[in-house]
């Protein structure tokens, strides 16, 4: 009996491996737009997909980021300046993409641009602090996606949205987890809507990686600023010990950061080039074996594992 179960399980795993290993042909004819290419995942993905032979359209926030990226890539790669929080900038970038495609469809869109700061316990923050993150991580992603959707539908292409483990289990105060939960919801709804058109939507849930947004110095400075700006009543209620322990906790989390960013960009590449991409990619061991399983367990289990004492 056990032998039959092992054989059956082996056959299932073999079939899944074979199905996921099939790669599309004619990749050199496919155009892919990636947001947030100045640094981190977006920058590495642009280089990686360019080497793979795809026609990369790299959206950078700054001219400096665009120029440095062009120095390290082939002549196929083209850059555009894009601020995802500015609808006029999104509109201009869409027109630029349309001109380059010259009647063709856009095969891939990777919504990668994102920020983490301002981040602190919720009561230390203001509405504007939440809005800053939501405008980039969620509303900017929605604006870019909707603007490019006609071109993606035309190609029966792919949309890859970079979420986070914090989009499955809330790990910090501020707008970051809220925005990533929103990414999850938007991805689910648009995937079901676009299935009729042959468009495939994938979500990537990275855990802790050493990108610019996980810079310990910037995060701790941001928390300190939020604490200093908080009303005196809030400071008295939370106390100095809470503030110090919260900073230590965040610093500890940054130390978990994985330097192998290619784990995430490999997920992006597979989502764009595989015949049968995954709906969800859990990137990193913490994501696969702790945070993602934790998101399926009862809330009291997650609370027990994630709640912490300030004393």
Protein backbone atom coordinates (compact mmCIF):
# COMPACT_ATOMS: atom_id res chain seq x y z
CA UNK A 1 0.00 0.00 0.00
CA UNK A 2 2.74 2.46 1.00
CA UNK A 3 4.71 1.61 -2.12
CA UNK A 4 1.71 2.46 -4.29
CA UNK A 5 1.28 5.80 -2.53
CA UNK A 6 4.97 6.65 -2.98
CA UNK A 7 4.81 5.71 -6.67
CA UNK A 8 1.64 7.78 -7.16
CA UNK A 9 3.16 10.78 -5.41
CA UNK A 10 6.34 10.44 -7.49
CA UNK A 11 4.33 10.36 -10.71
CA UNK A 12 2.37 13.47 -9.66
CA UNK A 13 5.59 15.36 -8.85
CA UNK A 14 7.17 14.21 -12.11
CA UNK A 15 4.17 15.40 -14.08
CA UNK A 16 4.20 18.77 -12.29
CA UNK A 17 7.92 19.16 -13.00
CA UNK A 18 7.47 18.29 -16.68
CA UNK A 19 4.49 20.63 -17.06
CA UNK A 20 6.29 23.55 -15.43
CA UNK A 21 9.55 22.97 -17.34
CA UNK A 22 8.00 23.65 -20.74
CA UNK A 23 9.21 27.01 -22.07
CA UNK A 24 7.72 29.17 -24.80
CA UNK A 25 9.40 29.59 -28.17
CA UNK A 26 10.27 32.82 -30.00
CA UNK A 27 11.07 34.75 -26.83
CA UNK A 28 13.06 37.29 -28.84
CA UNK A 29 9.79 38.57 -30.34
CA UNK A 30 8.20 39.30 -26.98
CA UNK A 31 8.16 42.71 -25.28
CA UNK A 32 8.07 42.98 -21.49
CA UNK A 33 7.65 46.14 -19.39
CA UNK A 34 9.08 46.13 -15.85
CA UNK A 35 8.45 48.92 -13.34
CA UNK A 36 10.91 49.96 -10.64
CA UNK A 37 14.11 49.15 -12.53
CA UNK A 38 16.42 51.63 -10.79
CA UNK A 39 17.52 48.99 -8.27
CA UNK A 40 16.60 45.73 -6.55
CA UNK A 41 14.42 43.09 -8.16
CA UNK A 42 13.42 45.28 -11.10
CA UNK A 43 16.99 46.14 -12.02
CA UNK A 44 18.16 42.52 -11.85
CA UNK A 45 15.07 41.27 -13.71
CA UNK A 46 15.68 43.73 -16.55
CA UNK A 47 19.26 42.47 -16.95
CA UNK A 48 18.27 38.82 -16.62
CA UNK A 49 15.42 38.98 -19.15
CA UNK A 50 17.58 41.00 -21.52
CA UNK A 51 20.20 38.24 -21.44
CA UNK A 52 17.39 35.74 -22.00
CA UNK A 53 16.64 37.46 -25.29
CA UNK A 54 13.36 39.21 -24.48
CA UNK A 55 12.79 42.80 -25.53
CA UNK A 56 12.82 44.58 -22.18
CA UNK A 57 11.14 47.94 -21.66
CA UNK A 58 12.58 49.09 -18.33
CA UNK A 59 10.66 51.77 -16.44
CA UNK A 60 12.89 53.73 -14.06
CA UNK A 61 12.02 56.53 -11.66
CA UNK A 62 15.23 58.49 -12.32
CA UNK A 63 17.41 59.36 -15.31
CA UNK A 64 20.44 58.15 -13.37
CA UNK A 65 18.88 54.73 -12.87
CA UNK A 66 17.98 54.48 -16.55
CA UNK A 67 21.46 55.47 -17.74
CA UNK A 68 23.23 53.02 -15.44
CA UNK A 69 20.95 50.18 -16.52
CA UNK A 70 21.57 50.86 -20.21
CA UNK A 71 25.33 50.62 -19.63
CA UNK A 72 24.95 47.05 -18.35
CA UNK A 73 22.52 45.68 -20.93
CA UNK A 74 22.22 45.08 -24.66
CA UNK A 75 20.91 47.50 -27.25
CA UNK A 76 17.58 45.63 -27.20
CA UNK A 77 16.71 47.05 -23.79
CA UNK A 78 14.98 50.42 -23.80
CA UNK A 79 14.20 52.65 -20.84
CA UNK A 80 11.47 55.11 -19.95
CA UNK A 81 11.04 57.41 -16.96
CA UNK A 82 7.92 56.45 -15.03
CA UNK A 83 6.44 57.68 -11.77
CA UNK A 84 3.62 55.22 -11.07
CA UNK A 85 1.92 57.71 -8.73
CA UNK A 86 1.51 60.26 -11.55
CA UNK A 87 -1.26 59.40 -14.01
CA UNK A 88 0.21 61.74 -16.63
CA UNK A 89 3.52 59.91 -16.37
CA UNK A 90 1.68 56.58 -16.72
CA UNK A 91 -0.19 57.88 -19.76
CA UNK A 92 3.03 59.13 -21.36
CA UNK A 93 4.78 55.79 -20.75
CA UNK A 94 1.83 53.92 -22.27
CA UNK A 95 2.03 56.06 -25.39
CA UNK A 96 5.77 55.35 -25.57
CA UNK A 97 5.16 51.60 -25.30
CA UNK A 98 2.44 51.78 -27.97
CA UNK A 99 4.80 53.52 -30.40
CA UNK A 100 7.52 50.93 -29.84
CA UNK A 101 5.14 48.00 -30.31
CA UNK A 102 3.88 49.52 -33.56
CA UNK A 103 0.66 47.54 -33.70
CA UNK A 104 1.86 44.50 -31.72
CA UNK A 105 0.68 43.48 -28.28
CA UNK A 106 2.63 43.69 -25.02
CA UNK A 107 3.57 40.19 -23.88
CA UNK A 108 4.45 40.92 -20.27
CA UNK A 109 3.98 43.47 -17.51
CA UNK A 110 5.91 43.11 -14.25
CA UNK A 111 4.51 45.40 -11.55
CA UNK A 112 7.57 45.58 -9.34
CA UNK A 113 7.79 49.20 -8.14
CA UNK A 114 7.25 49.49 -4.40
CA UNK A 115 8.24 51.22 -1.16
CA UNK A 116 8.18 50.24 2.54
CA UNK A 117 8.61 53.58 4.30
CA UNK A 118 6.84 55.19 6.22
CA UNK A 119 6.59 52.21 8.58
CA UNK A 120 5.98 52.20 12.34
CA UNK A 121 3.26 51.12 14.78
CA UNK A 122 0.00 52.38 13.28
CA UNK A 123 -0.82 54.82 16.07
CA UNK A 124 2.44 56.66 15.51
CA UNK A 125 1.52 57.45 11.89
CA UNK A 126 -0.81 59.85 10.07
CA UNK A 127 -3.20 59.24 7.17
CA UNK A 128 -0.67 60.78 4.78
CA UNK A 129 1.89 58.14 5.76
CA UNK A 130 -0.50 55.39 4.66
CA UNK A 131 -1.44 57.22 1.46
CA UNK A 132 2.20 57.56 0.37
CA UNK A 133 2.68 53.79 0.31
CA UNK A 134 -0.75 52.95 -1.12
CA UNK A 135 -0.22 55.38 -4.00
CA UNK A 136 2.93 53.54 -5.08
CA UNK A 137 2.37 49.90 -4.16
CA UNK A 138 -1.32 49.56 -4.96
CA UNK A 139 -2.93 52.48 -6.79
CA UNK A 140 0.13 53.01 -8.98
CA UNK A 141 0.13 49.33 -9.91
CA UNK A 142 -3.59 49.50 -10.74
CA UNK A 143 -3.09 52.61 -12.88
CA UNK A 144 -0.21 51.06 -14.86
CA UNK A 145 -2.07 47.77 -15.35
CA UNK A 146 -5.32 49.32 -16.54
CA UNK A 147 -3.46 51.67 -18.87
CA UNK A 148 -1.54 48.83 -20.55
CA UNK A 149 -4.30 46.25 -20.45
CA UNK A 150 -5.48 46.67 -24.06
CA UNK A 151 -1.95 45.93 -25.27
CA UNK A 152 -1.65 42.90 -22.97
CA UNK A 153 -5.02 41.52 -24.08
CA UNK A 154 -3.94 41.92 -27.68
CA UNK A 155 -0.91 39.68 -27.08
CA UNK A 156 -2.80 37.29 -24.78
CA UNK A 157 0.12 38.01 -22.51
CA UNK A 158 1.15 37.88 -18.87
CA UNK A 159 0.84 40.12 -15.82
CA UNK A 160 3.23 39.52 -12.92
CA UNK A 161 2.47 41.38 -9.69
CA UNK A 162 5.10 41.50 -6.95
CA UNK A 163 3.32 41.16 -3.62
CA UNK A 164 5.02 40.01 -0.41
CA UNK A 165 4.65 37.58 2.46
CA UNK A 166 3.28 40.70 4.17
CA UNK A 167 0.40 40.46 1.72
CA UNK A 168 -0.56 37.17 3.34
CA UNK A 169 0.37 37.81 6.98
CA UNK A 170 0.55 41.38 8.27
CA UNK A 171 4.02 41.90 9.73
CA UNK A 172 4.26 45.62 10.43
CA UNK A 173 2.30 48.81 10.94
CA UNK A 174 1.79 51.39 8.22
CA UNK A 175 0.60 51.04 4.67
CA UNK A 176 2.91 48.30 3.40
CA UNK A 177 0.94 45.22 4.42
CA UNK A 178 -2.32 46.99 3.57
CA UNK A 179 -1.03 47.72 0.08
CA UNK A 180 0.19 44.15 -0.46
CA UNK A 181 -3.11 42.66 0.70
CA UNK A 182 -4.63 44.95 -1.94
CA UNK A 183 -2.21 43.62 -4.56
CA UNK A 184 -3.42 40.11 -3.74
CA UNK A 185 -7.09 41.09 -4.14
CA UNK A 186 -6.53 43.01 -7.38
CA UNK A 187 -4.47 40.15 -8.82
CA UNK A 188 -7.15 37.59 -8.00
CA UNK A 189 -9.97 39.63 -9.50
CA UNK A 190 -8.16 40.60 -12.67
CA UNK A 191 -6.89 37.05 -13.20
CA UNK A 192 -10.46 35.75 -13.26
CA UNK A 193 -11.66 38.58 -15.49
CA UNK A 194 -8.87 38.14 -18.03
CA UNK A 195 -8.90 34.34 -18.22
CA UNK A 196 -11.52 34.70 -20.96
CA UNK A 197 -8.93 36.56 -23.08
CA UNK A 198 -6.11 34.08 -22.49
CA UNK A 199 -4.17 36.48 -20.24
CA UNK A 200 -2.38 34.84 -17.28
CA UNK A 201 -1.76 36.64 -14.01
CA UNK A 202 0.85 35.55 -11.46
CA UNK A 203 1.62 36.79 -7.96
CA UNK A 204 5.10 36.65 -6.41
CA UNK A 205 5.41 36.57 -2.61
CA UNK A 206 9.05 37.21 -1.63
CA UNK A 207 10.15 36.99 1.97
CA UNK A 208 13.06 39.10 3.30
CA UNK A 209 15.57 40.09 0.61
CA UNK A 210 18.40 42.61 0.78
CA UNK A 211 17.00 45.29 -1.49
CA UNK A 212 17.09 49.04 -0.90
CA UNK A 213 13.70 49.03 0.83
CA UNK A 214 15.05 46.68 3.54
CA UNK A 215 17.88 49.02 4.51
CA UNK A 216 18.16 48.87 8.30
CA UNK A 217 19.49 52.41 8.69
CA UNK A 218 16.68 54.01 6.71
CA UNK A 219 14.01 51.93 8.43
CA UNK A 220 15.25 52.74 11.93
CA UNK A 221 15.57 56.43 11.09
CA UNK A 222 12.00 56.39 9.78
CA UNK A 223 10.72 54.73 12.97
CA UNK A 224 12.63 57.25 15.10
CA UNK A 225 11.08 60.15 13.17
CA UNK A 226 7.58 58.71 13.62
CA UNK A 227 8.24 58.30 17.36
CA UNK A 228 9.54 61.85 17.70
CA UNK A 229 6.49 63.27 15.89
CA UNK A 230 3.99 61.26 17.95
CA UNK A 231 1.92 63.19 20.52
CA UNK A 232 3.21 63.13 24.07
CA UNK A 233 0.22 61.07 25.24
CA UNK A 234 1.15 58.29 22.79
CA UNK A 235 4.79 58.35 23.90
CA UNK A 236 3.73 58.11 27.53
CA UNK A 237 1.40 55.19 26.79
CA UNK A 238 3.90 53.15 24.78
CA UNK A 239 7.02 54.12 26.69
CA UNK A 240 10.68 54.25 25.77
CA UNK A 241 11.12 50.49 26.28
CA UNK A 242 8.46 49.73 23.64
CA UNK A 243 10.20 52.07 21.19
CA UNK A 244 13.61 50.49 21.76
CA UNK A 245 12.32 46.92 21.49
CA UNK A 246 10.35 47.73 18.34
CA UNK A 247 13.52 49.11 16.73
CA UNK A 248 15.45 46.00 17.79
CA UNK A 249 12.76 43.76 16.31
CA UNK A 250 12.84 45.56 12.96
CA UNK A 251 16.64 45.49 12.92
CA UNK A 252 16.53 41.73 13.55
CA UNK A 253 14.14 41.24 10.62
CA UNK A 254 16.48 43.13 8.29
CA UNK A 255 19.29 40.75 9.28
CA UNK A 256 17.22 37.91 7.81
CA UNK A 257 17.47 39.54 4.39
CA UNK A 258 18.54 37.12 1.64
CA UNK A 259 21.16 38.48 -0.76
CA UNK A 260 20.20 36.03 -3.53
CA UNK A 261 17.77 38.31 -5.39
CA UNK A 262 17.85 35.90 -8.32
CA UNK A 263 15.44 33.67 -6.40
CA UNK A 264 12.77 36.31 -7.03
CA UNK A 265 13.80 37.23 -10.57
CA UNK A 266 13.81 33.54 -11.52
CA UNK A 267 10.15 33.50 -10.48
CA UNK A 268 9.52 36.52 -12.70
CA UNK A 269 11.28 34.84 -15.61
CA UNK A 270 9.31 31.62 -15.23
CA UNK A 271 6.01 33.51 -14.99
CA UNK A 272 6.81 35.25 -18.28
CA UNK A 273 8.42 32.41 -20.26
CA UNK A 274 6.80 29.17 -19.08
CA UNK A 275 4.01 27.60 -21.10
CA UNK A 276 2.18 26.96 -17.81
CA UNK A 277 3.19 29.60 -15.25
CA UNK A 278 2.26 29.27 -11.60
CA UNK A 279 -0.53 31.42 -10.24
CA UNK A 280 1.57 32.09 -7.12
CA UNK A 281 5.31 31.97 -6.47
CA UNK A 282 6.60 31.80 -2.89
CA UNK A 283 10.14 33.16 -3.12
CA UNK A 284 12.50 32.18 -0.31
CA UNK A 285 12.56 29.54 2.40
CA UNK A 286 10.82 31.71 5.00
CA UNK A 287 7.98 32.27 2.54
CA UNK A 288 7.65 28.62 1.54
CA UNK A 289 7.92 26.95 4.90
CA UNK A 290 6.80 29.49 7.47
CA UNK A 291 4.83 32.56 6.39
CA UNK A 292 2.75 31.06 3.58
CA UNK A 293 1.73 27.98 5.62
CA UNK A 294 1.04 30.32 8.57
CA UNK A 295 -1.39 32.32 6.42
CA UNK A 296 -3.61 29.23 6.07
CA UNK A 297 -3.73 28.45 9.80
CA UNK A 298 -6.27 29.85 12.30
CA UNK A 299 -5.71 33.47 13.32
CA UNK A 300 -4.83 32.51 16.90
CA UNK A 301 -1.86 30.49 15.63
CA UNK A 302 -0.51 33.43 13.63
CA UNK A 303 -1.12 35.75 16.58
CA UNK A 304 0.80 33.41 18.88
CA UNK A 305 3.78 33.26 16.51
CA UNK A 306 3.88 36.94 15.51
CA UNK A 307 2.75 38.87 18.57
CA UNK A 308 5.62 40.07 20.68
CA UNK A 309 6.13 41.56 24.12
CA UNK A 310 7.68 45.01 24.40
CA UNK A 311 9.05 44.19 27.84
